[in-house]
């Protein structure tokens, strides 16, 4: 089998397909038979406002959790000594030669 590219490239016929859709404005919309009363409108508004409050609560809890994890990492980095980088301290000797 040859590792070279073939000298003759197979020719493919390009066929262009066009789909023509009918105009959307020409189609009639279905009739709307039900007019919501004010009580139904208030119920729908209450449902969507409850979802907004839930998402705000979830975002607050996510922020609280993220802040706690960040504080934990910062505390570990601050209060632990790096391994192998710090030389051990020599005990202080009292100067008796005075």
PDB file of N, CA and C in Angstrom:
ATOM      1  N   UNK A   1       0.844  -1.179   0.000  1.00  0.00           N
ATOM      2  CA  UNK A   1       0.000   0.000   0.000  1.00  0.00           C
ATOM      3  C   UNK A   1       0.886   1.237   0.000  1.00  0.00           C
ATOM      4  N   UNK A   2       0.584   2.160  -0.817  1.00  0.00           N
ATOM      5  CA  UNK A   2       1.395   3.358  -0.962  1.00  0.00           C
ATOM      6  C   UNK A   2       1.015   4.389   0.092  1.00  0.00           C
ATOM      7  N   UNK A   3       2.021   5.097   0.609  1.00  0.00           N
ATOM      8  CA  UNK A   3       1.774   6.127   1.611  1.00  0.00           C
ATOM      9  C   UNK A   3       1.607   7.503   0.990  1.00  0.00           C
ATOM     10  N   UNK A   4       1.642   7.567  -0.301  1.00  0.00           N
ATOM     11  CA  UNK A   4       1.493   8.839  -0.991  1.00  0.00           C
ATOM     12  C   UNK A   4       0.021   9.104  -1.276  1.00  0.00           C
ATOM     13  N   UNK A   5      -0.300  10.364  -1.401  1.00  0.00           N
ATOM     14  CA  UNK A   5      -1.675  10.730  -1.739  1.00  0.00           C
ATOM     15  C   UNK A   5      -1.962  10.326  -3.174  1.00  0.00           C
ATOM     16  N   UNK A   6      -3.183   9.909  -3.452  1.00  0.00           N
ATOM     17  CA  UNK A   6      -3.491   9.529  -4.839  1.00  0.00           C
ATOM     18  C   UNK A   6      -3.431  10.751  -5.750  1.00  0.00           C
ATOM     19  N   UNK A   7      -2.987  10.514  -6.970  1.00  0.00           N
ATOM     20  CA  UNK A   7      -2.864  11.606  -7.919  1.00  0.00           C
ATOM     21  C   UNK A   7      -4.217  12.050  -8.450  1.00  0.00           C
ATOM     22  N   UNK A   8      -5.170  11.163  -8.455  1.00  0.00           N
ATOM     23  CA  UNK A   8      -6.499  11.492  -8.952  1.00  0.00           C
ATOM     24  C   UNK A   8      -7.456  11.525  -7.763  1.00  0.00           C
ATOM     25  N   UNK A   9      -8.090  12.659  -7.593  1.00  0.00           N
ATOM     26  CA  UNK A   9      -9.050  12.812  -6.498  1.00  0.00           C
ATOM     27  C   UNK A   9     -10.433  12.499  -7.044  1.00  0.00           C
ATOM     28  N   UNK A  10     -11.186  11.635  -6.383  1.00  0.00           N
ATOM     29  CA  UNK A  10     -12.527  11.335  -6.884  1.00  0.00           C
ATOM     30  C   UNK A  10     -13.395  12.594  -6.861  1.00  0.00           C
ATOM     31  N   UNK A  11     -14.143  12.800  -7.918  1.00  0.00           N
ATOM     32  CA  UNK A  11     -14.981  13.983  -8.054  1.00  0.00           C
ATOM     33  C   UNK A  11     -16.376  13.663  -7.522  1.00  0.00           C
ATOM     34  N   UNK A  12     -16.866  14.507  -6.643  1.00  0.00           N
ATOM     35  CA  UNK A  12     -18.207  14.325  -6.103  1.00  0.00           C
ATOM     36  C   UNK A  12     -19.105  15.410  -6.672  1.00  0.00           C
ATOM     37  N   UNK A  13     -20.269  15.016  -7.106  1.00  0.00           N
ATOM     38  CA  UNK A  13     -21.220  15.995  -7.609  1.00  0.00           C
ATOM     39  C   UNK A  13     -21.883  16.689  -6.423  1.00  0.00           C
ATOM     40  N   UNK A  14     -21.837  17.983  -6.435  1.00  0.00           N
ATOM     41  CA  UNK A  14     -22.466  18.750  -5.372  1.00  0.00           C
ATOM     42  C   UNK A  14     -23.900  19.053  -5.773  1.00  0.00           C
ATOM     43  N   UNK A  15     -24.817  18.605  -4.967  1.00  0.00           N
ATOM     44  CA  UNK A  15     -26.234  18.854  -5.225  1.00  0.00           C
ATOM     45  C   UNK A  15     -26.732  19.796  -4.142  1.00  0.00           C
ATOM     46  N   UNK A  16     -27.295  20.868  -4.565  1.00  0.00           N
ATOM     47  CA  UNK A  16     -27.788  21.864  -3.625  1.00  0.00           C
ATOM     48  C   UNK A  16     -29.276  21.636  -3.424  1.00  0.00           C
ATOM     49  N   UNK A  17     -29.668  21.466  -2.162  1.00  0.00           N
ATOM     50  CA  UNK A  17     -31.077  21.250  -1.850  1.00  0.00           C
ATOM     51  C   UNK A  17     -31.607  22.494  -1.147  1.00  0.00           C
ATOM     52  N   UNK A  18     -32.716  22.975  -1.622  1.00  0.00           N
ATOM     53  CA  UNK A  18     -33.333  24.161  -1.043  1.00  0.00           C
ATOM     54  C   UNK A  18     -34.724  23.781  -0.569  1.00  0.00           C
ATOM     55  N   UNK A  19     -35.010  24.109   0.677  1.00  0.00           N
ATOM     56  CA  UNK A  19     -36.333  23.858   1.232  1.00  0.00           C
ATOM     57  C   UNK A  19     -37.018  25.203   1.399  1.00  0.00           C
ATOM     58  N   UNK A  20     -38.140  25.357   0.763  1.00  0.00           N
ATOM     59  CA  UNK A  20     -38.889  26.610   0.854  1.00  0.00           C
ATOM     60  C   UNK A  20     -40.086  26.371   1.763  1.00  0.00           C
ATOM     61  N   UNK A  21     -40.103  27.092   2.886  1.00  0.00           N
ATOM     62  CA  UNK A  21     -41.193  26.973   3.842  1.00  0.00           C
ATOM     63  C   UNK A  21     -42.246  28.032   3.552  1.00  0.00           C
ATOM     64  N   UNK A  22     -43.496  27.729   3.828  1.00  0.00           N
ATOM     65  CA  UNK A  22     -44.528  28.748   3.634  1.00  0.00           C
ATOM     66  C   UNK A  22     -44.366  29.870   4.651  1.00  0.00           C
ATOM     67  N   UNK A  23     -44.890  31.015   4.316  1.00  0.00           N
ATOM     68  CA  UNK A  23     -44.791  32.188   5.166  1.00  0.00           C
ATOM     69  C   UNK A  23     -45.545  31.948   6.475  1.00  0.00           C
ATOM     70  N   UNK A  24     -44.924  32.304   7.603  1.00  0.00           N
ATOM     71  CA  UNK A  24     -45.545  32.083   8.909  1.00  0.00           C
ATOM     72  C   UNK A  24     -46.749  32.994   9.112  1.00  0.00           C
ATOM     73  N   UNK A  25     -46.749  34.166   8.505  1.00  0.00           N
ATOM     74  CA  UNK A  25     -47.868  35.090   8.671  1.00  0.00           C
ATOM     75  C   UNK A  25     -49.109  34.590   7.944  1.00  0.00           C
ATOM     76  N   UNK A  26     -48.945  33.752   6.950  1.00  0.00           N
ATOM     77  CA  UNK A  26     -50.088  33.251   6.196  1.00  0.00           C
ATOM     78  C   UNK A  26     -50.864  32.197   6.971  1.00  0.00           C
ATOM     79  N   UNK A  27     -50.206  31.534   7.918  1.00  0.00           N
ATOM     80  CA  UNK A  27     -50.896  30.516   8.704  1.00  0.00           C
ATOM     81  C   UNK A  27     -51.749  31.176   9.776  1.00  0.00           C
ATOM     82  N   UNK A  28     -52.961  30.738   9.952  1.00  0.00           N
ATOM     83  CA  UNK A  28     -53.802  31.332  11.003  1.00  0.00           C
ATOM     84  C   UNK A  28     -53.390  30.805  12.374  1.00  0.00           C
ATOM     85  N   UNK A  29     -53.471  31.663  13.368  1.00  0.00           N
ATOM     86  CA  UNK A  29     -53.161  31.240  14.732  1.00  0.00           C
ATOM     87  C   UNK A  29     -54.397  30.589  15.339  1.00  0.00           C
ATOM     88  N   UNK A  30     -54.208  29.669  16.275  1.00  0.00           N
ATOM     89  CA  UNK A  30     -55.370  29.023  16.886  1.00  0.00           C
ATOM     90  C   UNK A  30     -56.149  30.040  17.724  1.00  0.00           C
ATOM     91  N   UNK A  31     -57.431  29.877  17.794  1.00  0.00           N
ATOM     92  CA  UNK A  31     -58.229  30.847  18.559  1.00  0.00           C
ATOM     93  C   UNK A  31     -57.958  30.717  20.056  1.00  0.00           C
ATOM     94  N   UNK A  32     -57.891  31.850  20.731  1.00  0.00           N
ATOM     95  CA  UNK A  32     -57.689  31.880  22.177  1.00  0.00           C
ATOM     96  C   UNK A  32     -59.056  32.065  22.812  1.00  0.00           C
ATOM     97  N   UNK A  33     -59.554  31.022  23.447  1.00  0.00           N
ATOM     98  CA  UNK A  33     -60.928  31.058  23.948  1.00  0.00           C
ATOM     99  C   UNK A  33     -61.022  31.437  25.409  1.00  0.00           C
ATOM    100  N   UNK A  34     -59.939  31.292  26.158  1.00  0.00           N
ATOM    101  CA  UNK A  34     -60.019  31.526  27.604  1.00  0.00           C
ATOM    102  C   UNK A  34     -59.332  32.841  27.966  1.00  0.00           C
ATOM    103  N   UNK A  35     -60.041  33.702  28.653  1.00  0.00           N
ATOM    104  CA  UNK A  35     -59.464  34.936  29.167  1.00  0.00           C
ATOM    105  C   UNK A  35     -59.255  34.746  30.666  1.00  0.00           C
ATOM    106  N   UNK A  36     -58.015  34.854  31.149  1.00  0.00           N
ATOM    107  CA  UNK A  36     -57.782  34.618  32.580  1.00  0.00           C
ATOM    108  C   UNK A  36     -58.391  35.733  33.429  1.00  0.00           C
ATOM    109  N   UNK A  37     -58.958  35.318  34.552  1.00  0.00           N
ATOM    110  CA  UNK A  37     -59.513  36.313  35.473  1.00  0.00           C
ATOM    111  C   UNK A  37     -58.410  36.798  36.405  1.00  0.00           C
ATOM    112  N   UNK A  38     -58.632  37.868  37.157  1.00  0.00           N
ATOM    113  CA  UNK A  38     -57.576  38.432  38.016  1.00  0.00           C
ATOM    114  C   UNK A  38     -57.029  37.449  39.049  1.00  0.00           C
ATOM    115  N   UNK A  39     -57.871  36.545  39.544  1.00  0.00           N
ATOM    116  CA  UNK A  39     -57.405  35.577  40.538  1.00  0.00           C
ATOM    117  C   UNK A  39     -56.376  34.621  39.916  1.00  0.00           C
ATOM    118  N   UNK A  40     -56.622  34.177  38.694  1.00  0.00           N
ATOM    119  CA  UNK A  40     -55.661  33.309  38.018  1.00  0.00           C
ATOM    120  C   UNK A  40     -54.362  34.045  37.727  1.00  0.00           C
ATOM    121  N   UNK A  41     -54.462  35.307  37.353  1.00  0.00           N
ATOM    122  CA  UNK A  41     -53.258  36.099  37.108  1.00  0.00           C
ATOM    123  C   UNK A  41     -52.422  36.244  38.376  1.00  0.00           C
ATOM    124  N   UNK A  42     -53.078  36.479  39.524  1.00  0.00           N
ATOM    125  CA  UNK A  42     -52.351  36.586  40.798  1.00  0.00           C
ATOM    126  C   UNK A  42     -51.695  35.259  41.167  1.00  0.00           C
ATOM    127  N   UNK A  43     -52.388  34.141  40.891  1.00  0.00           N
ATOM    128  CA  UNK A  43     -51.821  32.824  41.202  1.00  0.00           C
ATOM    129  C   UNK A  43     -50.574  32.560  40.360  1.00  0.00           C
ATOM    130  N   UNK A  44     -50.620  32.906  39.088  1.00  0.00           N
ATOM    131  CA  UNK A  44     -49.456  32.712  38.215  1.00  0.00           C
ATOM    132  C   UNK A  44     -48.306  33.596  38.675  1.00  0.00           C
ATOM    133  N   UNK A  45     -48.600  34.840  39.026  1.00  0.00           N
ATOM    134  CA  UNK A  45     -47.559  35.755  39.508  1.00  0.00           C
ATOM    135  C   UNK A  45     -46.940  35.240  40.805  1.00  0.00           C
ATOM    136  N   UNK A  46     -47.754  34.663  41.692  1.00  0.00           N
ATOM    137  CA  UNK A  46     -47.234  34.122  42.953  1.00  0.00           C
ATOM    138  C   UNK A  46     -46.292  32.949  42.698  1.00  0.00           C
ATOM    139  N   UNK A  47     -46.630  32.106  41.732  1.00  0.00           N
ATOM    140  CA  UNK A  47     -45.768  30.953  41.425  1.00  0.00           C
ATOM    141  C   UNK A  47     -44.411  31.421  40.923  1.00  0.00           C
ATOM    142  N   UNK A  48     -44.404  32.378  39.990  1.00  0.00           N
ATOM    143  CA  UNK A  48     -43.132  32.822  39.432  1.00  0.00           C
ATOM    144  C   UNK A  48     -42.325  33.645  40.423  1.00  0.00           C
ATOM    145  N   UNK A  49     -42.973  34.402  41.303  1.00  0.00           N
ATOM    146  CA  UNK A  49     -42.210  35.156  42.301  1.00  0.00           C
ATOM    147  C   UNK A  49     -41.620  34.213  43.346  1.00  0.00           C
ATOM    148  N   UNK A  50     -42.307  33.098  43.640  1.00  0.00           N
ATOM    149  CA  UNK A  50     -41.748  32.112  44.572  1.00  0.00           C
ATOM    150  C   UNK A  50     -40.498  31.476  43.971  1.00  0.00           C
ATOM    151  N   UNK A  51     -40.497  31.230  42.658  1.00  0.00           N
ATOM    152  CA  UNK A  51     -39.306  30.668  42.017  1.00  0.00           C
ATOM    153  C   UNK A  51     -38.149  31.655  42.076  1.00  0.00           C
ATOM    154  N   UNK A  52     -38.438  32.951  41.942  1.00  0.00           N
ATOM    155  CA  UNK A  52     -37.385  33.960  42.046  1.00  0.00           C
ATOM    156  C   UNK A  52     -36.783  33.970  43.447  1.00  0.00           C
ATOM    157  N   UNK A  53     -37.632  33.861  44.473  1.00  0.00           N
ATOM    158  CA  UNK A  53     -37.119  33.834  45.850  1.00  0.00           C
ATOM    159  C   UNK A  53     -36.286  32.583  46.087  1.00  0.00           C
ATOM    160  N   UNK A  54     -36.738  31.453  45.549  1.00  0.00           N
ATOM    161  CA  UNK A  54     -35.968  30.217  45.712  1.00  0.00           C
ATOM    162  C   UNK A  54     -34.597  30.335  45.062  1.00  0.00           C
ATOM    163  N   UNK A  55     -34.546  30.905  43.873  1.00  0.00           N
ATOM    164  CA  UNK A  55     -33.254  31.013  43.202  1.00  0.00           C
ATOM    165  C   UNK A  55     -32.335  31.977  43.945  1.00  0.00           C
ATOM    166  N   UNK A  56     -32.888  33.033  44.541  1.00  0.00           N
ATOM    167  CA  UNK A  56     -32.062  33.945  45.333  1.00  0.00           C
ATOM    168  C   UNK A  56     -31.541  33.245  46.586  1.00  0.00           C
ATOM    169  N   UNK A  57     -32.370  32.413  47.198  1.00  0.00           N
ATOM    170  CA  UNK A  57     -31.938  31.667  48.385  1.00  0.00           C
ATOM    171  C   UNK A  57     -30.845  30.668  48.022  1.00  0.00           C
ATOM    172  N   UNK A  58     -31.010  29.983  46.921  1.00  0.00           N
ATOM    173  CA  UNK A  58     -29.997  29.013  46.478  1.00  0.00           C
ATOM    174  C   UNK A  58     -28.686  29.722  46.167  1.00  0.00           C
ATOM    175  N   UNK A  59     -28.761  30.875  45.519  1.00  0.00           N
ATOM    176  CA  UNK A  59     -27.537  31.626  45.215  1.00  0.00           C
ATOM    177  C   UNK A  59     -26.856  32.083  46.502  1.00  0.00           C
ATOM    178  N   UNK A  60     -27.634  32.486  47.500  1.00  0.00           N
ATOM    179  CA  UNK A  60     -27.057  32.880  48.780  1.00  0.00           C
ATOM    180  C   UNK A  60     -26.380  31.719  49.484  1.00  0.00           C
ATOM    181  N   UNK A  61     -27.018  30.559  49.476  1.00  0.00           N
ATOM    182  CA  UNK A  61     -26.410  29.380  50.105  1.00  0.00           C
ATOM    183  C   UNK A  61     -25.142  28.947  49.378  1.00  0.00           C
ATOM    184  N   UNK A  62     -25.145  29.036  48.062  1.00  0.00           N
ATOM    185  CA  UNK A  62     -23.950  28.696  47.295  1.00  0.00           C
ATOM    186  C   UNK A  62     -22.813  29.660  47.608  1.00  0.00           C
ATOM    187  N   UNK A  63     -23.124  30.946  47.742  1.00  0.00           N
ATOM    188  CA  UNK A  63     -22.106  31.928  48.112  1.00  0.00           C
ATOM    189  C   UNK A  63     -21.571  31.684  49.512  1.00  0.00           C
ATOM    190  N   UNK A  64     -22.458  31.326  50.448  1.00  0.00           N
ATOM    191  CA  UNK A  64     -22.031  31.030  51.817  1.00  0.00           C
ATOM    192  C   UNK A  64     -21.107  29.818  51.845  1.00  0.00           C
ATOM    193  N   UNK A  65     -21.465  28.768  51.127  1.00  0.00           N
ATOM    194  CA  UNK A  65     -20.638  27.563  51.091  1.00  0.00           C
ATOM    195  C   UNK A  65     -19.280  27.857  50.457  1.00  0.00           C
ATOM    196  N   UNK A  66     -19.269  28.601  49.359  1.00  0.00           N
ATOM    197  CA  UNK A  66     -18.015  28.930  48.688  1.00  0.00           C
ATOM    198  C   UNK A  66     -17.116  29.765  49.587  1.00  0.00           C
ATOM    199  N   UNK A  67     -17.693  30.737  50.289  1.00  0.00           N
ATOM    200  CA  UNK A  67     -16.910  31.558  51.209  1.00  0.00           C
ATOM    201  C   UNK A  67     -16.325  30.744  52.347  1.00  0.00           C
ATOM    202  N   UNK A  68     -17.095  29.794  52.854  1.00  0.00           N
ATOM    203  CA  UNK A  68     -16.604  28.938  53.940  1.00  0.00           C
ATOM    204  C   UNK A  68     -15.441  28.073  53.469  1.00  0.00           C
ATOM    205  N   UNK A  69     -15.548  27.508  52.280  1.00  0.00           N
ATOM    206  CA  UNK A  69     -14.455  26.691  51.755  1.00  0.00           C
ATOM    207  C   UNK A  69     -13.201  27.534  51.512  1.00  0.00           C
ATOM    208  N   UNK A  70     -13.378  28.753  51.022  1.00  0.00           N
ATOM    209  CA  UNK A  70     -12.243  29.642  50.795  1.00  0.00           C
ATOM    210  C   UNK A  70     -11.581  30.019  52.116  1.00  0.00           C
ATOM    211  N   UNK A  71     -12.385  30.324  53.136  1.00  0.00           N
ATOM    212  CA  UNK A  71     -11.839  30.662  54.449  1.00  0.00           C
ATOM    213  C   UNK A  71     -11.092  29.475  55.045  1.00  0.00           C
ATOM    214  N   UNK A  72     -11.612  28.274  54.863  1.00  0.00           N
ATOM    215  CA  UNK A  72     -10.940  27.072  55.358  1.00  0.00           C
ATOM    216  C   UNK A  72      -9.572  26.909  54.692  1.00  0.00           C
ATOM    217  N   UNK A  73      -9.508  27.065  53.383  1.00  0.00           N
ATOM    218  CA  UNK A  73      -8.228  26.939  52.674  1.00  0.00           C
ATOM    219  C   UNK A  73      -7.238  28.012  53.105  1.00  0.00           C
ATOM    220  N   UNK A  74      -7.714  29.248  53.259  1.00  0.00           N
ATOM    221  CA  UNK A  74      -6.819  30.326  53.686  1.00  0.00           C
ATOM    222  C   UNK A  74      -6.291  30.086  55.097  1.00  0.00           C
ATOM    223  N   UNK A  75      -7.142  29.577  55.987  1.00  0.00           N
ATOM    224  CA  UNK A  75      -6.698  29.292  57.349  1.00  0.00           C
ATOM    225  C   UNK A  75      -5.650  28.178  57.356  1.00  0.00           C
ATOM    226  N   UNK A  76      -5.847  27.151  56.554  1.00  0.00           N
ATOM    227  CA  UNK A  76      -4.859  26.069  56.493  1.00  0.00           C
ATOM    228  C   UNK A  76      -3.519  26.574  55.971  1.00  0.00           C
ATOM    229  N   UNK A  77      -3.550  27.403  54.932  1.00  0.00           N
ATOM    230  CA  UNK A  77      -2.305  27.925  54.376  1.00  0.00           C
ATOM    231  C   UNK A  77      -1.602  28.851  55.355  1.00  0.00           C
ATOM    232  N   UNK A  78      -2.364  29.597  56.133  1.00  0.00           N
ATOM    233  CA  UNK A  78      -1.774  30.574  57.042  1.00  0.00           C
ATOM    234  C   UNK A  78      -1.170  29.916  58.273  1.00  0.00           C
ATOM    235  N   UNK A  79      -1.860  28.965  58.860  1.00  0.00           N
ATOM    236  CA  UNK A  79      -1.453  28.440  60.159  1.00  0.00           C
ATOM    237  C   UNK A  79      -0.644  27.149  60.102  1.00  0.00           C
ATOM    238  N   UNK A  80      -0.378  26.609  58.937  1.00  0.00           N
ATOM    239  CA  UNK A  80       0.487  25.431  58.857  1.00  0.00           C
ATOM    240  C   UNK A  80       1.816  25.833  58.236  1.00  0.00           C
ATOM    241  N   UNK A  81       2.877  25.213  58.731  1.00  0.00           N
ATOM    242  CA  UNK A  81       4.207  25.522  58.214  1.00  0.00           C
ATOM    243  C   UNK A  81       4.427  24.758  56.920  1.00  0.00           C
ATOM    244  N   UNK A  82       5.071  25.376  55.956  1.00  0.00           N
ATOM    245  CA  UNK A  82       5.353  24.668  54.710  1.00  0.00           C
ATOM    246  C   UNK A  82       6.335  23.524  54.957  1.00  0.00           C
ATOM    247  N   UNK A  83       6.136  22.430  54.292  1.00  0.00           N
ATOM    248  CA  UNK A  83       6.979  21.254  54.490  1.00  0.00           C
ATOM    249  C   UNK A  83       8.302  21.435  53.760  1.00  0.00           C
ATOM    250  N   UNK A  84       9.408  21.308  54.504  1.00  0.00           N
ATOM    251  CA  UNK A  84      10.726  21.310  53.908  1.00  0.00           C
ATOM    252  C   UNK A  84      11.303  22.673  53.583  1.00  0.00           C
ATOM    253  N   UNK A  85      10.583  23.741  53.746  1.00  0.00           N
ATOM    254  CA  UNK A  85      11.101  25.050  53.394  1.00  0.00           C
ATOM    255  C   UNK A  85      11.637  25.817  54.606  1.00  0.00           C
ATOM    256  N   UNK A  86      11.190  25.470  55.787  1.00  0.00           N
ATOM    257  CA  UNK A  86      11.580  26.210  56.983  1.00  0.00           C
ATOM    258  C   UNK A  86      12.648  25.426  57.734  1.00  0.00           C
ATOM    259  N   UNK A  87      13.711  26.112  58.106  1.00  0.00           N
ATOM    260  CA  UNK A  87      14.757  25.467  58.894  1.00  0.00           C
ATOM    261  C   UNK A  87      14.307  25.393  60.348  1.00  0.00           C
ATOM    262  N   UNK A  88      14.637  24.309  61.026  1.00  0.00           N
ATOM    263  CA  UNK A  88      14.241  24.216  62.437  1.00  0.00           C
ATOM    264  C   UNK A  88      14.980  25.263  63.269  1.00  0.00           C
ATOM    265  N   UNK A  89      14.278  25.828  64.218  1.00  0.00           N
ATOM    266  CA  UNK A  89      14.875  26.870  65.059  1.00  0.00           C
ATOM    267  C   UNK A  89      15.757  26.230  66.131  1.00  0.00           C
ATOM    268  N   UNK A  90      16.891  26.866  66.392  1.00  0.00           N
ATOM    269  CA  UNK A  90      17.769  26.391  67.450  1.00  0.00           C
ATOM    270  C   UNK A  90      17.255  26.943  68.774  1.00  0.00           C
ATOM    271  N   UNK A  91      17.339  26.129  69.827  1.00  0.00           N
ATOM    272  CA  UNK A  91      16.881  26.641  71.124  1.00  0.00           C
ATOM    273  C   UNK A  91      17.778  27.791  71.594  1.00  0.00           C
ATOM    274  N   UNK A  92      17.190  28.771  72.207  1.00  0.00           N
ATOM    275  CA  UNK A  92      17.947  29.933  72.676  1.00  0.00           C
ATOM    276  C   UNK A  92      18.744  29.548  73.914  1.00  0.00           C
ATOM    277  N   UNK A  93      20.030  29.928  73.905  1.00  0.00           N
ATOM    278  CA  UNK A  93      20.906  29.634  75.035  1.00  0.00           C
ATOM    279  C   UNK A  93      21.048  30.881  75.885  1.00  0.00           C
ATOM    280  N   UNK A  94      21.103  30.651  77.130  1.00  0.00           N
ATOM    281  CA  UNK A  94      21.339  31.777  78.037  1.00  0.00           C
ATOM    282  C   UNK A  94      22.821  32.120  77.989  1.00  0.00           C
ATOM    283  N   UNK A  95      23.073  33.354  77.878  1.00  0.00           N
ATOM    284  CA  UNK A  95      24.470  33.773  77.851  1.00  0.00           C
ATOM    285  C   UNK A  95      24.972  33.860  79.299  1.00  0.00           C
ATOM    286  N   UNK A  96      25.869  32.950  79.630  1.00  0.00           N
ATOM    287  CA  UNK A  96      26.399  32.886  80.982  1.00  0.00           C
ATOM    288  C   UNK A  96      27.730  33.600  81.101  1.00  0.00           C
ATOM    289  N   UNK A  97      28.246  34.063  80.002  1.00  0.00           N
ATOM    290  CA  UNK A  97      29.560  34.687  80.017  1.00  0.00           C
ATOM    291  C   UNK A  97      29.511  36.143  80.456  1.00  0.00           C
ATOM    292  N   UNK A  98      28.424  36.659  80.821  1.00  0.00           N
ATOM    293  CA  UNK A  98      28.344  38.081  81.150  1.00  0.00           C
ATOM    294  C   UNK A  98      28.994  38.404  82.423  1.00  0.00           C
TER     295      UNK A  98
END
